[in-house]
Amino acid sequence: MAAIEVILVDRDDRATGKMEKLEVHEKGLLHRAVTVYVFNSSHQLLLQQRASGKYHCGGLWSNTTCGHPYPQESTRHAAERRLFEEMGMRLTLQPVFELSYNLPLSNGLTEHEYGHVYFAISDEQPQLNPDEADGWRYASLAELQAEIQQQPEQFTPWFLHTFARIPAEFTRFMGAANADAHPQPH
């Protein structure tokens, strides 16, 4: 299997080069990433339990899916590709926000990412790729807040870091979706 390259970026998400994915995580270099949050019609978040064989954070619960764009690939295409590769779901994703973080992992690797966060609403059942995920479940944002406070070690570092923004961003996302579905007369 060929080495996977990721896009190195500066603080403003301008591409500065490319490098093999594991080397980037070993060196802690800033690179472009995508993160996906899929909610059902009951406003519950679809969580993924990362495959226990993953090279980092195996067995931990996280957002629906995440990954890295290939060089020359758009972030939306990468997010939709990873959603299908990991969860077997083909959805049209909406960009919601961007953020950057530099988080040490337990095995000496570092997640130093400029992340593009996408949301979608779907009641579709995932079809897990066992190389990517061991399990899935839906949970309300309130349930997740309580779980995070009680057992933060059950979640990936980037999910813990990003989750604080999710309730407000979801409310804004749903407001925009409702406005698009029911335009107001001028």
C-alpha atoms as a PDB file:
ATOM      1  CA  MET A   1       0.000   0.000   0.000  1.00  0.00           C
ATOM      2  CA  ALA A   2       1.354   3.415  -0.983  1.00  0.00           C
ATOM      3  CA  ALA A   3       2.106   5.988   1.684  1.00  0.00           C
ATOM      4  CA  ILE A   4      -0.676   8.515   2.172  1.00  0.00           C
ATOM      5  CA  GLU A   5       0.374  12.138   1.851  1.00  0.00           C
ATOM      6  CA  VAL A   6      -1.338  15.029   3.618  1.00  0.00           C
ATOM      7  CA  ILE A   7      -1.287  18.765   2.937  1.00  0.00           C
ATOM      8  CA  LEU A   8       0.986  20.887   5.114  1.00  0.00           C
ATOM      9  CA  VAL A   9      -0.480  24.347   5.784  1.00  0.00           C
ATOM     10  CA  ASP A  10       0.323  27.604   7.530  1.00  0.00           C
ATOM     11  CA  ARG A  11      -1.841  29.171  10.265  1.00  0.00           C
ATOM     12  CA  ASP A  12      -4.136  30.637   7.574  1.00  0.00           C
ATOM     13  CA  ASP A  13      -4.662  27.223   5.900  1.00  0.00           C
ATOM     14  CA  ARG A  14      -2.476  28.084   2.910  1.00  0.00           C
ATOM     15  CA  ALA A  15      -0.813  24.965   1.504  1.00  0.00           C
ATOM     16  CA  THR A  16       2.957  24.923   2.086  1.00  0.00           C
ATOM     17  CA  GLY A  17       3.778  21.394   0.901  1.00  0.00           C
ATOM     18  CA  LYS A  18       2.924  17.757   1.439  1.00  0.00           C
ATOM     19  CA  MET A  19       4.321  14.940   3.546  1.00  0.00           C
ATOM     20  CA  GLU A  20       3.582  11.342   4.497  1.00  0.00           C
ATOM     21  CA  LYS A  21       0.793  11.180   7.102  1.00  0.00           C
ATOM     22  CA  LEU A  22       2.594   9.271   9.870  1.00  0.00           C
ATOM     23  CA  GLU A  23       5.704  11.461   9.565  1.00  0.00           C
ATOM     24  CA  VAL A  24       3.545  14.593   9.902  1.00  0.00           C
ATOM     25  CA  HIS A  25       2.013  13.210  13.122  1.00  0.00           C
ATOM     26  CA  GLU A  26       5.435  12.179  14.453  1.00  0.00           C
ATOM     27  CA  LYS A  27       6.854  15.672  13.810  1.00  0.00           C
ATOM     28  CA  GLY A  28       3.700  17.497  14.937  1.00  0.00           C
ATOM     29  CA  LEU A  29       3.499  19.608  11.776  1.00  0.00           C
ATOM     30  CA  LEU A  30       0.400  21.668  10.986  1.00  0.00           C
ATOM     31  CA  HIS A  31      -1.672  20.006   8.262  1.00  0.00           C
ATOM     32  CA  ARG A  32      -5.173  20.173   6.774  1.00  0.00           C
ATOM     33  CA  ALA A  33      -7.877  17.886   8.152  1.00  0.00           C
ATOM     34  CA  VAL A  34     -11.624  17.292   7.867  1.00  0.00           C
ATOM     35  CA  THR A  35     -14.101  16.430  10.597  1.00  0.00           C
ATOM     36  CA  VAL A  36     -17.690  15.293  10.077  1.00  0.00           C
ATOM     37  CA  TYR A  37     -20.654  15.431  12.477  1.00  0.00           C
ATOM     38  CA  VAL A  38     -23.797  13.647  11.283  1.00  0.00           C
ATOM     39  CA  PHE A  39     -26.985  14.194  13.271  1.00  0.00           C
ATOM     40  CA  ASN A  40     -30.260  12.290  12.963  1.00  0.00           C
ATOM     41  CA  SER A  41     -33.707  13.895  12.751  1.00  0.00           C
ATOM     42  CA  SER A  42     -33.936  13.659  16.571  1.00  0.00           C
ATOM     43  CA  HIS A  43     -30.840  15.901  16.758  1.00  0.00           C
ATOM     44  CA  GLN A  44     -28.656  13.102  18.126  1.00  0.00           C
ATOM     45  CA  LEU A  45     -25.013  12.903  17.045  1.00  0.00           C
ATOM     46  CA  LEU A  46     -23.728   9.783  15.294  1.00  0.00           C
ATOM     47  CA  LEU A  47     -20.565   8.729  17.112  1.00  0.00           C
ATOM     48  CA  GLN A  48     -17.898   6.379  15.828  1.00  0.00           C
ATOM     49  CA  GLN A  49     -15.826   4.050  18.009  1.00  0.00           C
ATOM     50  CA  ARG A  50     -12.443   3.981  16.293  1.00  0.00           C
ATOM     51  CA  ALA A  51     -11.144   0.568  15.294  1.00  0.00           C
ATOM     52  CA  SER A  52      -8.968  -0.886  18.041  1.00  0.00           C
ATOM     53  CA  GLY A  53      -6.220  -1.555  15.479  1.00  0.00           C
ATOM     54  CA  LYS A  54      -5.778   2.118  14.528  1.00  0.00           C
ATOM     55  CA  TYR A  55      -2.269   3.503  15.003  1.00  0.00           C
ATOM     56  CA  HIS A  56      -3.602   6.016  17.505  1.00  0.00           C
ATOM     57  CA  CYS A  57      -6.714   6.413  19.651  1.00  0.00           C
ATOM     58  CA  GLY A  58      -8.020   2.928  18.844  1.00  0.00           C
ATOM     59  CA  GLY A  59     -11.216   1.994  20.687  1.00  0.00           C
ATOM     60  CA  LEU A  60     -12.052   5.598  21.632  1.00  0.00           C
ATOM     61  CA  TRP A  61     -15.329   7.312  20.750  1.00  0.00           C
ATOM     62  CA  SER A  62     -15.221  10.271  18.404  1.00  0.00           C
ATOM     63  CA  ASN A  63     -17.191  12.345  15.913  1.00  0.00           C
ATOM     64  CA  THR A  64     -18.833  10.562  12.972  1.00  0.00           C
ATOM     65  CA  THR A  65     -15.676  10.554  10.858  1.00  0.00           C
ATOM     66  CA  CYS A  66     -12.485  12.465  10.217  1.00  0.00           C
ATOM     67  CA  GLY A  67      -9.492  12.377   7.936  1.00  0.00           C
ATOM     68  CA  HIS A  68      -7.217  14.326   5.636  1.00  0.00           C
ATOM     69  CA  PRO A  69      -7.629  15.652   2.103  1.00  0.00           C
ATOM     70  CA  TYR A  70      -5.206  14.248  -0.428  1.00  0.00           C
ATOM     71  CA  PRO A  71      -3.008  16.803  -2.193  1.00  0.00           C
ATOM     72  CA  GLN A  72      -5.192  18.524  -4.850  1.00  0.00           C
ATOM     73  CA  GLU A  73      -8.445  17.288  -3.170  1.00  0.00           C
ATOM     74  CA  SER A  74     -11.041  19.720  -1.829  1.00  0.00           C
ATOM     75  CA  THR A  75     -11.957  19.534   1.844  1.00  0.00           C
ATOM     76  CA  ARG A  76     -15.629  18.809   1.053  1.00  0.00           C
ATOM     77  CA  HIS A  77     -14.711  15.933  -1.257  1.00  0.00           C
ATOM     78  CA  ALA A  78     -12.293  14.562   1.371  1.00  0.00           C
ATOM     79  CA  ALA A  79     -14.958  14.757   4.089  1.00  0.00           C
ATOM     80  CA  GLU A  80     -17.547  13.021   1.908  1.00  0.00           C
ATOM     81  CA  ARG A  81     -14.973  10.404   0.801  1.00  0.00           C
ATOM     82  CA  ARG A  82     -13.961   9.621   4.399  1.00  0.00           C
ATOM     83  CA  LEU A  83     -17.601   9.412   5.507  1.00  0.00           C
ATOM     84  CA  PHE A  84     -18.172   6.747   2.874  1.00  0.00           C
ATOM     85  CA  GLU A  85     -14.853   4.939   3.530  1.00  0.00           C
ATOM     86  CA  GLU A  86     -15.398   4.749   7.294  1.00  0.00           C
ATOM     87  CA  MET A  87     -19.172   4.646   7.757  1.00  0.00           C
ATOM     88  CA  GLY A  88     -20.512   3.576   4.342  1.00  0.00           C
ATOM     89  CA  MET A  89     -22.664   6.720   4.111  1.00  0.00           C
ATOM     90  CA  ARG A  90     -23.003   8.932   1.030  1.00  0.00           C
ATOM     91  CA  LEU A  91     -24.227  12.330   2.211  1.00  0.00           C
ATOM     92  CA  THR A  92     -23.903  15.894   1.007  1.00  0.00           C
ATOM     93  CA  LEU A  93     -22.059  17.730   3.754  1.00  0.00           C
ATOM     94  CA  GLN A  94     -22.261  21.411   4.680  1.00  0.00           C
ATOM     95  CA  PRO A  95     -19.212  23.373   5.888  1.00  0.00           C
ATOM     96  CA  VAL A  96     -19.890  24.811   9.342  1.00  0.00           C
ATOM     97  CA  PHE A  97     -16.662  26.142  10.839  1.00  0.00           C
ATOM     98  CA  GLU A  98     -12.874  25.855  10.866  1.00  0.00           C
ATOM     99  CA  LEU A  99     -10.494  25.536  13.788  1.00  0.00           C
ATOM    100  CA  SER A 100      -6.903  24.736  14.589  1.00  0.00           C
ATOM    101  CA  TYR A 101      -5.485  22.638  17.427  1.00  0.00           C
ATOM    102  CA  ASN A 102      -2.211  21.116  18.573  1.00  0.00           C
ATOM    103  CA  LEU A 103      -2.946  18.080  20.754  1.00  0.00           C
ATOM    104  CA  PRO A 104      -0.483  15.477  22.021  1.00  0.00           C
ATOM    105  CA  LEU A 105      -1.607  11.854  21.708  1.00  0.00           C
ATOM    106  CA  SER A 106      -0.774   9.065  24.146  1.00  0.00           C
ATOM    107  CA  ASN A 107       1.714   7.343  21.821  1.00  0.00           C
ATOM    108  CA  GLY A 108       4.068  10.252  21.161  1.00  0.00           C
ATOM    109  CA  LEU A 109       2.213  11.453  18.077  1.00  0.00           C
ATOM    110  CA  THR A 110       0.664  14.905  17.735  1.00  0.00           C
ATOM    111  CA  GLU A 111      -2.565  16.041  16.100  1.00  0.00           C
ATOM    112  CA  HIS A 112      -1.596  19.519  14.882  1.00  0.00           C
ATOM    113  CA  GLU A 113      -4.388  20.247  12.470  1.00  0.00           C
ATOM    114  CA  TYR A 114      -6.219  22.992  10.671  1.00  0.00           C
ATOM    115  CA  GLY A 115      -9.652  21.389  10.617  1.00  0.00           C
ATOM    116  CA  HIS A 116     -12.611  21.954   8.329  1.00  0.00           C
ATOM    117  CA  VAL A 117     -15.785  20.873  10.141  1.00  0.00           C
ATOM    118  CA  TYR A 118     -18.827  19.617   8.220  1.00  0.00           C
ATOM    119  CA  PHE A 119     -22.365  18.744   9.369  1.00  0.00           C
ATOM    120  CA  ALA A 120     -25.205  16.720   7.859  1.00  0.00           C
ATOM    121  CA  ILE A 121     -28.629  15.471   8.912  1.00  0.00           C
ATOM    122  CA  SER A 122     -29.507  11.865   8.067  1.00  0.00           C
ATOM    123  CA  ASP A 123     -31.398   8.913   9.518  1.00  0.00           C
ATOM    124  CA  GLU A 124     -29.398   6.502   7.353  1.00  0.00           C
ATOM    125  CA  GLN A 125     -27.828   3.594   9.250  1.00  0.00           C
ATOM    126  CA  PRO A 126     -24.033   3.393   8.899  1.00  0.00           C
ATOM    127  CA  GLN A 127     -22.347   0.370   7.335  1.00  0.00           C
ATOM    128  CA  LEU A 128     -19.023   0.279   9.185  1.00  0.00           C
ATOM    129  CA  ASN A 129     -15.686  -0.473   7.586  1.00  0.00           C
ATOM    130  CA  PRO A 130     -14.117  -2.753  10.253  1.00  0.00           C
ATOM    131  CA  ASP A 131     -10.641  -1.405   9.451  1.00  0.00           C
ATOM    132  CA  GLU A 132     -11.870   2.048  10.489  1.00  0.00           C
ATOM    133  CA  ALA A 133     -14.532   1.590  13.174  1.00  0.00           C
ATOM    134  CA  ASP A 134     -15.511  -0.984  15.797  1.00  0.00           C
ATOM    135  CA  GLY A 135     -18.903   0.513  16.588  1.00  0.00           C
ATOM    136  CA  TRP A 136     -21.360   3.373  16.336  1.00  0.00           C
ATOM    137  CA  ARG A 137     -24.159   4.903  18.363  1.00  0.00           C
ATOM    138  CA  TYR A 138     -26.377   7.962  18.509  1.00  0.00           C
ATOM    139  CA  ALA A 139     -26.365  10.228  21.563  1.00  0.00           C
ATOM    140  CA  SER A 140     -27.907  13.582  22.401  1.00  0.00           C
ATOM    141  CA  LEU A 141     -25.570  16.508  22.934  1.00  0.00           C
ATOM    142  CA  ALA A 142     -26.690  16.694  26.581  1.00  0.00           C
ATOM    143  CA  GLU A 143     -25.861  13.002  27.100  1.00  0.00           C
ATOM    144  CA  LEU A 144     -22.458  13.534  25.526  1.00  0.00           C
ATOM    145  CA  GLN A 145     -21.709  16.544  27.717  1.00  0.00           C
ATOM    146  CA  ALA A 146     -22.401  14.413  30.798  1.00  0.00           C
ATOM    147  CA  GLU A 147     -20.296  11.496  29.482  1.00  0.00           C
ATOM    148  CA  ILE A 148     -17.397  13.808  28.665  1.00  0.00           C
ATOM    149  CA  GLN A 149     -17.447  15.206  32.206  1.00  0.00           C
ATOM    150  CA  GLN A 150     -17.610  11.734  33.777  1.00  0.00           C
ATOM    151  CA  GLN A 151     -15.305   9.750  31.470  1.00  0.00           C
ATOM    152  CA  PRO A 152     -13.239  11.996  29.182  1.00  0.00           C
ATOM    153  CA  GLU A 153     -10.716   9.184  28.638  1.00  0.00           C
ATOM    154  CA  GLN A 154     -13.330   7.366  26.511  1.00  0.00           C
ATOM    155  CA  PHE A 155     -13.110  10.043  23.774  1.00  0.00           C
ATOM    156  CA  THR A 156     -10.476  11.171  21.280  1.00  0.00           C
ATOM    157  CA  PRO A 157      -8.521  14.337  22.170  1.00  0.00           C
ATOM    158  CA  TRP A 158      -9.787  16.235  19.095  1.00  0.00           C
ATOM    159  CA  PHE A 159     -13.391  15.343  19.873  1.00  0.00           C
ATOM    160  CA  LEU A 160     -12.970  16.622  23.450  1.00  0.00           C
ATOM    161  CA  HIS A 161     -11.344  19.807  22.143  1.00  0.00           C
ATOM    162  CA  THR A 162     -13.958  20.475  19.456  1.00  0.00           C
ATOM    163  CA  PHE A 163     -17.119  19.331  21.238  1.00  0.00           C
ATOM    164  CA  ALA A 164     -17.462  22.514  23.315  1.00  0.00           C
ATOM    165  CA  ARG A 165     -18.375  24.358  20.088  1.00  0.00           C
ATOM    166  CA  ILE A 166     -20.783  21.761  18.714  1.00  0.00           C
ATOM    167  CA  PRO A 167     -24.052  22.619  20.554  1.00  0.00           C
ATOM    168  CA  ALA A 168     -23.948  26.313  19.529  1.00  0.00           C
ATOM    169  CA  GLU A 169     -22.782  25.506  15.991  1.00  0.00           C
ATOM    170  CA  PHE A 170     -25.550  22.899  15.642  1.00  0.00           C
ATOM    171  CA  THR A 171     -28.178  25.425  16.761  1.00  0.00           C
ATOM    172  CA  ARG A 172     -26.846  27.907  14.185  1.00  0.00           C
ATOM    173  CA  PHE A 173     -26.715  25.180  11.505  1.00  0.00           C
ATOM    174  CA  MET A 174     -30.317  24.148  12.167  1.00  0.00           C
ATOM    175  CA  GLY A 175     -31.447  27.782  12.102  1.00  0.00           C
ATOM    176  CA  ALA A 176     -29.810  28.252   8.696  1.00  0.00           C
ATOM    177  CA  ALA A 177     -31.288  24.984   7.420  1.00  0.00           C
ATOM    178  CA  ASN A 178     -34.772  26.029   8.564  1.00  0.00           C
ATOM    179  CA  ALA A 179     -34.378  29.453   6.975  1.00  0.00           C
ATOM    180  CA  ASP A 180     -33.364  27.835   3.672  1.00  0.00           C
ATOM    181  CA  ALA A 181     -36.327  25.452   3.843  1.00  0.00           C
ATOM    182  CA  HIS A 182     -38.812  28.240   4.678  1.00  0.00           C
ATOM    183  CA  PRO A 183     -37.699  31.482   3.018  1.00  0.00           C
ATOM    184  CA  GLN A 184     -39.331  34.594   4.365  1.00  0.00           C
ATOM    185  CA  PRO A 185     -41.199  36.876   1.924  1.00  0.00           C
ATOM    186  CA  HIS A 186     -39.497  40.194   1.221  1.00  0.00           C
END
